[in-house]
Structures are given as C-alpha cells and as structure tokens.
Amino acid sequence: MAAATEALARVGHAAPTAVDVAGDRAARKALIVKRVRQWSAVALLGIVWGGYNSIAAWRETHAFMINASESLPNWAFFIQRGRVPAKGDYVFFAPPEGELVRRHFGPDSGPFGKRVIGEAGALVEHRGKWVYVDGVRVAHMKPRSRFGEVLTPGPVGRVPEGCYYPAFPKWRGV
C-alpha cells in the first residue's frame, strides 16, 4: 500500500483516507438509490401505459353498465359486445321509439336489459295470461301498464332465425 501511496503522491494525488473511502461508499449508495428510483419510475410508466392500452382495447369489445331499475337482479353488468347470446344470458338493447316508452321511461330511456328465454326456433305460446316458451311457463302477461294503459300481448309462434325472445327474469310480466 505504501508503494501505491508514493505513486499517487508523485502524480499529484493524495492517498485516499478513511473519510474519502466512506464518502465514496455513501456516494455510490446514493447513486444506486437514484438509479433504482429512475428505473422504477420508467417501469411504472410502462405499466401505466400498458394498462391504459389494455383498457382501451377492452372498451372496444366490452362495456360496464350500472343497473338503475328494479327489473334486473344485479346492480351492474359487464357486457361483451358482438357475442352471440345464449339462452339464459342477459341482452341489452335500445327500446323501440314510441309514446308508451317515452311516457314510462322518458325521452332518454337508455338501454333495456332482459334475459334470453328463447332462441331461434323456440315456440312461444300464450295460454290465458301465461307465456310459454317450448312448453315451459316463463312469464305472466300484464293486462295494463303501471299507468293503466292497456297492453297488447306480444307475438306467438317460432322465434325467427337471428332473433331471440327476451323477458324479465321475474314473473311479473314480459
């Protein structure tokens, strides 16, 4: 060590002291902490960017809907757009334009949600005040709306190809 100290002294450098070595360790530790923080920030930025892109892609094929009515059993639904529904699935659709819909639900009613009771080819029948799909009683037809308007029973027969027979999941009416 003495030879190294003499060599450093000849070129104008002083030998490192215990204070210098401790200072170097502290400086190295501070530099490591700084680098770890910088790379952590870069990694976090990457995660946020990837998460945003994933959510943006998910939004193109899915939706999250809050249920504000009492007609469906859940308070919220995740919807997968473009998926062909099966019997028992919930479907959401824009209601048809009409005075009855506006009077009961307002001008901006939002989507209606119902459960698929019958798929293409299913037989829909009315027997008295009851609705049957493929021989199974699925709903009660209400004669009047909650405001007293007379309601017309829906169509009967086979559900056409590409169509579904949706109904409320409760027995109170279709």
Foldseek 3Di string as FASTA:
>chain_A
DVVVQVVCVVVPHHDDDPVNVVVVVVVVVVVVVVVVVVVVVVVVVVVVVVVVVVVVVQVVFKDKAADPDPLADDRIDIGGPPDDDDQFDKDKDCDDDDPVCCVVQNPCNHIDIFGFHFAAFWWWDDDPQFIDTNRHTQEGADQADPVGHGDDDDDTGGAHHPGTDTDGNDRHHD
